[in-house]
Amino acid sequence: MFIDTHAHIFEESIKLDNVNLNDILAIIVPSYNKENLGRTLLYCKQSPKFLPALGIHPQYCHQFTHETQNFIKSHINEIVAVGEIGLDTRFDNFESQIPPFVEQMQLAYKHNLPVSVHLIGERAFDVFFEVYKSYPVKTALHCFSGSAQNAERALNLDIYLSFACNITYKANVVLRKIAEFTPLNRILLETDSPSMLPASFMRKGTNTPQNIHFVAQKITEIKKVDIEEVANITTQNAIELFNLKEKLC
């Protein structure tokens, strides 16, 4: 049984009607902007496997207002994490991203919730680690794509690294090296659906949580262990991080 720790399955491009989710124990479903905060909660009512997280992505940091903050607060007992939040130097609003990120880390810290964090760029990692000193919440670095040095910094803080389908891409040699030295008990699996199809799909079509198997298989090859071990340990990691033991009984 697998847990997909990051999939935006509320997107209209994803059709789960013909997708086999029998060996998917749970899917963490994070929002990323104002428009899909409510949609995330509504969608997750369709199945006990779908577990919502609420947050505002750095690209949409201008949408983290009193209104959206109050919405998240009003549903704080319904979510398993604050996310997707983060910092991304590719966007020209980087300095504007920092206050909303800090406030969402504060919110998670206050309510003892984990965070699902998107980080792109060295400056993003530096700011994250500085903020983390004040708000050391349980953290998943979603779709990890940082340097080996930043991976080591995160692992030294017992932060989880989440690997997505991009680990199957031929060019991502460094990412596979990072997975190789990351202890299995600090690895999470995700698809980041509907984006980021596995390499074998030639990036055509729509990604779904069913493709978690491609990520698991690649981790199996990298770590030279049985896929059952990867499934068992990464699932337990997700249960521990997102406090899912009672929800999945």
C-alpha atoms as a PDB file:
ATOM      1  CA  MET A   1       0.000   0.000   0.000  1.00  0.00           C
ATOM      2  CA  PHE A   2       1.254   3.452  -0.957  1.00  0.00           C
ATOM      3  CA  ILE A   3       0.469   6.999   0.117  1.00  0.00           C
ATOM      4  CA  ASP A   4       0.682   9.714  -2.514  1.00  0.00           C
ATOM      5  CA  THR A   5       1.746  12.650  -0.356  1.00  0.00           C
ATOM      6  CA  HIS A   6       1.058  15.367  -2.928  1.00  0.00           C
ATOM      7  CA  ALA A   7      -1.548  15.298  -5.701  1.00  0.00           C
ATOM      8  CA  HIS A   8      -3.893  18.037  -6.899  1.00  0.00           C
ATOM      9  CA  ILE A   9      -6.603  15.568  -7.859  1.00  0.00           C
ATOM     10  CA  PHE A  10      -9.352  18.202  -7.764  1.00  0.00           C
ATOM     11  CA  GLU A  11      -8.082  19.507 -11.114  1.00  0.00           C
ATOM     12  CA  GLU A  12     -10.542  18.965 -13.962  1.00  0.00           C
ATOM     13  CA  SER A  13      -7.826  17.410 -16.127  1.00  0.00           C
ATOM     14  CA  ILE A  14      -7.656  14.395 -13.799  1.00  0.00           C
ATOM     15  CA  LYS A  15     -10.230  11.674 -14.418  1.00  0.00           C
ATOM     16  CA  LEU A  16     -10.072   9.035 -11.685  1.00  0.00           C
ATOM     17  CA  ASP A  17     -13.075   6.994 -12.878  1.00  0.00           C
ATOM     18  CA  ASN A  18     -10.875   4.421 -14.617  1.00  0.00           C
ATOM     19  CA  VAL A  19      -7.858   4.721 -12.332  1.00  0.00           C
ATOM     20  CA  ASN A  20      -7.092   1.796 -10.043  1.00  0.00           C
ATOM     21  CA  LEU A  21      -6.479   3.153  -6.553  1.00  0.00           C
ATOM     22  CA  ASN A  22      -6.833  -0.157  -4.726  1.00  0.00           C
ATOM     23  CA  ASP A  23      -3.250  -0.126  -3.471  1.00  0.00           C
ATOM     24  CA  ILE A  24      -3.291   3.581  -2.663  1.00  0.00           C
ATOM     25  CA  LEU A  25      -3.979   3.890   1.045  1.00  0.00           C
ATOM     26  CA  ALA A  26      -4.340   7.678   1.002  1.00  0.00           C
ATOM     27  CA  ILE A  27      -3.722  10.765  -1.106  1.00  0.00           C
ATOM     28  CA  ILE A  28      -2.775  14.107   0.410  1.00  0.00           C
ATOM     29  CA  VAL A  29      -4.591  16.768  -1.620  1.00  0.00           C
ATOM     30  CA  PRO A  30      -3.104  20.277  -1.214  1.00  0.00           C
ATOM     31  CA  SER A  31      -4.627  23.506  -2.425  1.00  0.00           C
ATOM     32  CA  TYR A  32      -2.410  26.166  -3.960  1.00  0.00           C
ATOM     33  CA  ASN A  33      -4.500  29.296  -4.522  1.00  0.00           C
ATOM     34  CA  LYS A  34      -7.624  31.132  -3.373  1.00  0.00           C
ATOM     35  CA  GLU A  35      -9.844  29.580  -6.039  1.00  0.00           C
ATOM     36  CA  ASN A  36      -9.221  25.991  -5.007  1.00  0.00           C
ATOM     37  CA  LEU A  37      -9.229  26.277  -1.216  1.00  0.00           C
ATOM     38  CA  GLY A  38     -12.912  25.384  -1.030  1.00  0.00           C
ATOM     39  CA  ARG A  39     -12.691  22.990  -3.968  1.00  0.00           C
ATOM     40  CA  THR A  40     -10.011  20.998  -2.143  1.00  0.00           C
ATOM     41  CA  LEU A  41     -12.219  20.479   0.901  1.00  0.00           C
ATOM     42  CA  LEU A  42     -15.271  19.638  -1.194  1.00  0.00           C
ATOM     43  CA  TYR A  43     -13.394  17.166  -3.373  1.00  0.00           C
ATOM     44  CA  CYS A  44     -11.940  15.348  -0.376  1.00  0.00           C
ATOM     45  CA  LYS A  45     -15.432  14.578   0.893  1.00  0.00           C
ATOM     46  CA  GLN A  46     -15.774  12.100  -1.984  1.00  0.00           C
ATOM     47  CA  SER A  47     -13.547   9.484  -0.366  1.00  0.00           C
ATOM     48  CA  PRO A  48     -11.911   8.816   3.009  1.00  0.00           C
ATOM     49  CA  LYS A  49      -8.707   8.214   1.028  1.00  0.00           C
ATOM     50  CA  PHE A  50      -8.580  11.883   0.012  1.00  0.00           C
ATOM     51  CA  LEU A  51      -7.062  14.014   2.778  1.00  0.00           C
ATOM     52  CA  PRO A  52      -6.980  17.806   2.387  1.00  0.00           C
ATOM     53  CA  ALA A  53      -4.208  20.291   3.017  1.00  0.00           C
ATOM     54  CA  LEU A  54      -4.792  24.024   2.703  1.00  0.00           C
ATOM     55  CA  GLY A  55      -2.285  26.702   1.809  1.00  0.00           C
ATOM     56  CA  ILE A  56      -1.261  29.333  -0.714  1.00  0.00           C
ATOM     57  CA  HIS A  57       1.578  28.591  -3.171  1.00  0.00           C
ATOM     58  CA  PRO A  58       4.328  31.238  -3.557  1.00  0.00           C
ATOM     59  CA  GLN A  59       3.246  32.013  -7.126  1.00  0.00           C
ATOM     60  CA  TYR A  60      -0.072  33.194  -5.681  1.00  0.00           C
ATOM     61  CA  CYS A  61       1.301  34.796  -2.531  1.00  0.00           C
ATOM     62  CA  HIS A  62      -0.727  37.961  -3.218  1.00  0.00           C
ATOM     63  CA  GLN A  63      -3.811  35.832  -2.549  1.00  0.00           C
ATOM     64  CA  PHE A  64      -2.777  35.194   1.051  1.00  0.00           C
ATOM     65  CA  THR A  65      -5.082  37.796   2.560  1.00  0.00           C
ATOM     66  CA  HIS A  66      -7.149  38.062   5.730  1.00  0.00           C
ATOM     67  CA  GLU A  67      -9.927  36.316   3.803  1.00  0.00           C
ATOM     68  CA  THR A  68      -7.889  33.286   2.770  1.00  0.00           C
ATOM     69  CA  GLN A  69      -6.078  33.132   6.098  1.00  0.00           C
ATOM     70  CA  ASN A  70      -9.401  33.117   7.945  1.00  0.00           C
ATOM     71  CA  PHE A  71     -10.724  30.438   5.599  1.00  0.00           C
ATOM     72  CA  ILE A  72      -7.785  28.178   6.416  1.00  0.00           C
ATOM     73  CA  LYS A  73      -8.157  28.889  10.127  1.00  0.00           C
ATOM     74  CA  SER A  74     -11.878  28.131  10.040  1.00  0.00           C
ATOM     75  CA  HIS A  75     -11.173  24.687   8.572  1.00  0.00           C
ATOM     76  CA  ILE A  76      -8.008  23.962  10.519  1.00  0.00           C
ATOM     77  CA  ASN A  77      -9.505  20.865  12.173  1.00  0.00           C
ATOM     78  CA  GLU A  78     -10.393  19.336   8.795  1.00  0.00           C
ATOM     79  CA  ILE A  79      -6.914  19.360   7.279  1.00  0.00           C
ATOM     80  CA  VAL A  80      -3.872  17.150   7.709  1.00  0.00           C
ATOM     81  CA  ALA A  81      -1.311  19.810   6.746  1.00  0.00           C
ATOM     82  CA  VAL A  82      -0.742  23.410   5.767  1.00  0.00           C
ATOM     83  CA  GLY A  83       0.217  23.365   2.119  1.00  0.00           C
ATOM     84  CA  GLU A  84       1.136  23.845  -0.555  1.00  0.00           C
ATOM     85  CA  ILE A  85       3.247  26.727   0.715  1.00  0.00           C
ATOM     86  CA  GLY A  86       6.782  27.748  -0.087  1.00  0.00           C
ATOM     87  CA  LEU A  87       9.313  29.967  -1.807  1.00  0.00           C
ATOM     88  CA  ASP A  88      10.386  30.064  -5.443  1.00  0.00           C
ATOM     89  CA  THR A  89      13.099  32.297  -6.924  1.00  0.00           C
ATOM     90  CA  ARG A  90      11.848  31.727 -10.483  1.00  0.00           C
ATOM     91  CA  PHE A  91       9.068  34.245  -9.894  1.00  0.00           C
ATOM     92  CA  ASP A  92       9.762  37.966  -9.765  1.00  0.00           C
ATOM     93  CA  ASN A  93       7.765  38.372  -6.550  1.00  0.00           C
ATOM     94  CA  PHE A  94      10.265  36.561  -4.313  1.00  0.00           C
ATOM     95  CA  GLU A  95      10.462  39.169  -1.534  1.00  0.00           C
ATOM     96  CA  SER A  96       6.668  39.321  -1.474  1.00  0.00           C
ATOM     97  CA  GLN A  97       6.530  35.553  -0.976  1.00  0.00           C
ATOM     98  CA  ILE A  98       8.341  35.655   2.359  1.00  0.00           C
ATOM     99  CA  PRO A  99       5.705  37.226   4.694  1.00  0.00           C
ATOM    100  CA  PRO A 100       2.882  34.868   3.555  1.00  0.00           C
ATOM    101  CA  PHE A 101       5.236  31.922   3.885  1.00  0.00           C
ATOM    102  CA  VAL A 102       6.221  32.940   7.417  1.00  0.00           C
ATOM    103  CA  GLU A 103       2.580  33.446   8.411  1.00  0.00           C
ATOM    104  CA  GLN A 104       1.617  30.009   7.114  1.00  0.00           C
ATOM    105  CA  MET A 105       4.534  28.420   8.967  1.00  0.00           C
ATOM    106  CA  GLN A 106       3.336  30.250  12.089  1.00  0.00           C
ATOM    107  CA  LEU A 107      -0.168  28.910  11.531  1.00  0.00           C
ATOM    108  CA  ALA A 108       1.083  25.338  11.234  1.00  0.00           C
ATOM    109  CA  TYR A 109       3.257  25.745  14.324  1.00  0.00           C
ATOM    110  CA  LYS A 110       0.383  27.164  16.371  1.00  0.00           C
ATOM    111  CA  HIS A 111      -1.918  24.283  15.459  1.00  0.00           C
ATOM    112  CA  ASN A 112       0.726  21.538  15.557  1.00  0.00           C
ATOM    113  CA  LEU A 113       0.259  20.704  11.886  1.00  0.00           C
ATOM    114  CA  PRO A 114       2.880  19.590   9.357  1.00  0.00           C
ATOM    115  CA  VAL A 115       3.653  21.584   6.229  1.00  0.00           C
ATOM    116  CA  SER A 116       4.066  20.641   2.577  1.00  0.00           C
ATOM    117  CA  VAL A 117       6.706  23.018   1.238  1.00  0.00           C
ATOM    118  CA  HIS A 118       7.649  23.947  -2.319  1.00  0.00           C
ATOM    119  CA  LEU A 119      11.229  25.266  -2.566  1.00  0.00           C
ATOM    120  CA  ILE A 120      13.044  26.290  -5.733  1.00  0.00           C
ATOM    121  CA  GLY A 121      16.361  28.169  -5.700  1.00  0.00           C
ATOM    122  CA  GLU A 122      19.228  28.545  -3.237  1.00  0.00           C
ATOM    123  CA  ARG A 123      17.788  31.733  -1.751  1.00  0.00           C
ATOM    124  CA  ALA A 124      14.500  29.935  -1.182  1.00  0.00           C
ATOM    125  CA  PHE A 125      16.243  27.200   0.785  1.00  0.00           C
ATOM    126  CA  ASP A 126      18.252  29.725   2.803  1.00  0.00           C
ATOM    127  CA  VAL A 127      15.128  31.641   3.808  1.00  0.00           C
ATOM    128  CA  PHE A 128      13.275  28.419   4.586  1.00  0.00           C
ATOM    129  CA  PHE A 129      15.977  27.168   6.951  1.00  0.00           C
ATOM    130  CA  GLU A 130      16.072  30.550   8.692  1.00  0.00           C
ATOM    131  CA  VAL A 131      12.283  30.549   9.182  1.00  0.00           C
ATOM    132  CA  TYR A 132      12.364  26.910  10.287  1.00  0.00           C
ATOM    133  CA  LYS A 133      14.542  27.863  13.260  1.00  0.00           C
ATOM    134  CA  SER A 134      11.578  29.782  14.684  1.00  0.00           C
ATOM    135  CA  TYR A 135       8.868  27.365  13.535  1.00  0.00           C
ATOM    136  CA  PRO A 136      10.294  23.822  13.549  1.00  0.00           C
ATOM    137  CA  VAL A 137       7.164  22.015  12.374  1.00  0.00           C
ATOM    138  CA  LYS A 138       7.087  18.586  10.770  1.00  0.00           C
ATOM    139  CA  THR A 139       7.969  19.204   7.148  1.00  0.00           C
ATOM    140  CA  ALA A 140       7.756  17.511   3.768  1.00  0.00           C
ATOM    141  CA  LEU A 141       9.911  19.151   1.119  1.00  0.00           C
ATOM    142  CA  HIS A 142       7.527  18.468  -1.736  1.00  0.00           C
ATOM    143  CA  CYS A 143       8.970  17.341  -5.076  1.00  0.00           C
ATOM    144  CA  PHE A 144      12.489  17.864  -3.779  1.00  0.00           C
ATOM    145  CA  SER A 145      14.739  19.397  -6.403  1.00  0.00           C
ATOM    146  CA  GLY A 146      17.421  21.148  -4.375  1.00  0.00           C
ATOM    147  CA  SER A 147      21.128  20.550  -4.096  1.00  0.00           C
ATOM    148  CA  ALA A 148      22.802  17.711  -2.219  1.00  0.00           C
ATOM    149  CA  GLN A 149      23.940  20.261   0.364  1.00  0.00           C
ATOM    150  CA  ASN A 150      20.386  21.438   0.984  1.00  0.00           C
ATOM    151  CA  ALA A 151      19.200  17.846   1.188  1.00  0.00           C
ATOM    152  CA  GLU A 152      21.781  17.202   3.905  1.00  0.00           C
ATOM    153  CA  ARG A 153      20.745  20.365   5.766  1.00  0.00           C
ATOM    154  CA  ALA A 154      17.137  19.165   5.713  1.00  0.00           C
ATOM    155  CA  LEU A 155      17.960  15.615   6.753  1.00  0.00           C
ATOM    156  CA  ASN A 156      20.018  16.894   9.691  1.00  0.00           C
ATOM    157  CA  LEU A 157      16.781  18.514  10.900  1.00  0.00           C
ATOM    158  CA  ASP A 158      14.787  15.271  10.425  1.00  0.00           C
ATOM    159  CA  ILE A 159      12.845  16.844   7.556  1.00  0.00           C
ATOM    160  CA  TYR A 160      11.330  14.485   4.995  1.00  0.00           C
ATOM    161  CA  LEU A 161      12.301  14.627   1.323  1.00  0.00           C
ATOM    162  CA  SER A 162       9.447  13.847  -1.048  1.00  0.00           C
ATOM    163  CA  PHE A 163      10.344  12.427  -4.450  1.00  0.00           C
ATOM    164  CA  ALA A 164       8.048  12.727  -7.457  1.00  0.00           C
ATOM    165  CA  CYS A 165       7.964  11.314 -10.976  1.00  0.00           C
ATOM    166  CA  ASN A 166      10.818  13.585 -12.086  1.00  0.00           C
ATOM    167  CA  ILE A 167      13.173  11.165 -10.349  1.00  0.00           C
ATOM    168  CA  THR A 168      12.552   8.884 -13.345  1.00  0.00           C
ATOM    169  CA  TYR A 169      13.892  11.455 -15.836  1.00  0.00           C
ATOM    170  CA  LYS A 170      17.222  10.495 -17.376  1.00  0.00           C
ATOM    171  CA  ALA A 171      18.746  13.935 -16.798  1.00  0.00           C
ATOM    172  CA  ASN A 172      18.046  13.957 -13.041  1.00  0.00           C
ATOM    173  CA  VAL A 173      21.262  12.211 -12.017  1.00  0.00           C
ATOM    174  CA  VAL A 174      21.838  14.483  -9.007  1.00  0.00           C
ATOM    175  CA  LEU A 175      18.313  13.876  -7.721  1.00  0.00           C
ATOM    176  CA  ARG A 176      18.868  10.118  -7.822  1.00  0.00           C
ATOM    177  CA  LYS A 177      22.172  10.569  -5.971  1.00  0.00           C
ATOM    178  CA  ILE A 178      20.296  12.498  -3.298  1.00  0.00           C
ATOM    179  CA  ALA A 179      17.721   9.704  -3.013  1.00  0.00           C
ATOM    180  CA  GLU A 180      20.579   7.245  -2.693  1.00  0.00           C
ATOM    181  CA  PHE A 181      22.006   8.885   0.442  1.00  0.00           C
ATOM    182  CA  THR A 182      18.623   9.808   1.937  1.00  0.00           C
ATOM    183  CA  PRO A 183      17.622   7.257   4.594  1.00  0.00           C
ATOM    184  CA  LEU A 184      14.499   5.359   3.607  1.00  0.00           C
ATOM    185  CA  ASN A 185      12.843   6.496   6.825  1.00  0.00           C
ATOM    186  CA  ARG A 186      13.063  10.088   5.555  1.00  0.00           C
ATOM    187  CA  ILE A 187      11.643   9.459   2.080  1.00  0.00           C
ATOM    188  CA  LEU A 188       8.100  10.231   0.922  1.00  0.00           C
ATOM    189  CA  LEU A 189       6.520   9.366  -2.421  1.00  0.00           C
ATOM    190  CA  GLU A 190       4.301  11.645  -4.498  1.00  0.00           C
ATOM    191  CA  THR A 191       3.044  12.139  -8.031  1.00  0.00           C
ATOM    192  CA  ASP A 192       2.311  15.891  -7.991  1.00  0.00           C
ATOM    193  CA  SER A 193      -0.637  15.034 -10.248  1.00  0.00           C
ATOM    194  CA  PRO A 194      -1.714  16.240 -12.743  1.00  0.00           C
ATOM    195  CA  SER A 195       1.792  17.489 -13.595  1.00  0.00           C
ATOM    196  CA  MET A 196       5.070  15.658 -14.019  1.00  0.00           C
ATOM    197  CA  LEU A 197       4.333  12.379 -15.772  1.00  0.00           C
ATOM    198  CA  PRO A 198       6.856   9.544 -15.392  1.00  0.00           C
ATOM    199  CA  ALA A 199       9.561   9.344 -18.053  1.00  0.00           C
ATOM    200  CA  SER A 200       7.994   6.312 -19.743  1.00  0.00           C
ATOM    201  CA  PHE A 201       4.929   8.406 -20.673  1.00  0.00           C
ATOM    202  CA  MET A 202       7.099  10.780 -22.741  1.00  0.00           C
ATOM    203  CA  ARG A 203       5.347  13.618 -20.873  1.00  0.00           C
ATOM    204  CA  LYS A 204       2.134  13.131 -22.841  1.00  0.00           C
ATOM    205  CA  GLY A 205      -1.174  12.903 -21.031  1.00  0.00           C
ATOM    206  CA  THR A 206      -2.202  13.594 -17.436  1.00  0.00           C
ATOM    207  CA  ASN A 207      -0.489  12.293 -14.355  1.00  0.00           C
ATOM    208  CA  THR A 208      -2.565  10.440 -11.720  1.00  0.00           C
ATOM    209  CA  PRO A 209      -1.813   8.924  -8.289  1.00  0.00           C
ATOM    210  CA  GLN A 210      -1.680   5.471  -9.898  1.00  0.00           C
ATOM    211  CA  ASN A 211       1.759   6.457 -11.198  1.00  0.00           C
ATOM    212  CA  ILE A 212       3.152   6.416  -7.666  1.00  0.00           C
ATOM    213  CA  HIS A 213       4.387   2.955  -8.641  1.00  0.00           C
ATOM    214  CA  PHE A 214       6.928   4.481 -11.025  1.00  0.00           C
ATOM    215  CA  VAL A 215       8.386   6.577  -8.212  1.00  0.00           C
ATOM    216  CA  ALA A 216       8.444   3.605  -5.857  1.00  0.00           C
ATOM    217  CA  GLN A 217      10.115   1.411  -8.455  1.00  0.00           C
ATOM    218  CA  LYS A 218      12.846   3.985  -9.059  1.00  0.00           C
ATOM    219  CA  ILE A 219      13.486   4.289  -5.307  1.00  0.00           C
ATOM    220  CA  THR A 220      13.648   0.485  -5.182  1.00  0.00           C
ATOM    221  CA  GLU A 221      16.327   0.467  -7.886  1.00  0.00           C
ATOM    222  CA  ILE A 222      18.301   3.269  -6.271  1.00  0.00           C
ATOM    223  CA  LYS A 223      18.206   1.833  -2.745  1.00  0.00           C
ATOM    224  CA  LYS A 224      18.580  -1.803  -3.907  1.00  0.00           C
ATOM    225  CA  VAL A 225      15.760  -3.037  -1.694  1.00  0.00           C
ATOM    226  CA  ASP A 226      12.444  -4.824  -2.285  1.00  0.00           C
ATOM    227  CA  ILE A 227       9.495  -2.718  -3.375  1.00  0.00           C
ATOM    228  CA  GLU A 228       7.549  -4.050  -0.369  1.00  0.00           C
ATOM    229  CA  GLU A 229      10.124  -2.405   1.898  1.00  0.00           C
ATOM    230  CA  VAL A 230       9.835   0.886   0.032  1.00  0.00           C
ATOM    231  CA  ALA A 231       6.041   0.716   0.234  1.00  0.00           C
ATOM    232  CA  ASN A 232       5.967  -0.161   3.924  1.00  0.00           C
ATOM    233  CA  ILE A 233       8.521   2.372   5.121  1.00  0.00           C
ATOM    234  CA  THR A 234       7.402   5.317   2.996  1.00  0.00           C
ATOM    235  CA  THR A 235       3.792   4.675   3.992  1.00  0.00           C
ATOM    236  CA  GLN A 236       4.752   4.659   7.663  1.00  0.00           C
ATOM    237  CA  ASN A 237       6.714   7.864   7.095  1.00  0.00           C
ATOM    238  CA  ALA A 238       3.621   9.549   5.681  1.00  0.00           C
ATOM    239  CA  ILE A 239       1.427   8.248   8.506  1.00  0.00           C
ATOM    240  CA  GLU A 240       3.883   9.642  11.042  1.00  0.00           C
ATOM    241  CA  LEU A 241       4.363  13.008   9.330  1.00  0.00           C
ATOM    242  CA  PHE A 242       0.695  13.721   8.635  1.00  0.00           C
ATOM    243  CA  ASN A 243      -0.635  12.132  11.850  1.00  0.00           C
ATOM    244  CA  LEU A 244      -2.788   9.680   9.925  1.00  0.00           C
ATOM    245  CA  LYS A 245      -2.905   6.713  12.279  1.00  0.00           C
ATOM    246  CA  GLU A 246      -6.421   7.379  13.536  1.00  0.00           C
ATOM    247  CA  LYS A 247      -7.738   8.560  10.161  1.00  0.00           C
ATOM    248  CA  LEU A 248      -6.657   5.368   8.411  1.00  0.00           C
ATOM    249  CA  CYS A 249      -7.850   2.868  11.012  1.00  0.00           C
END
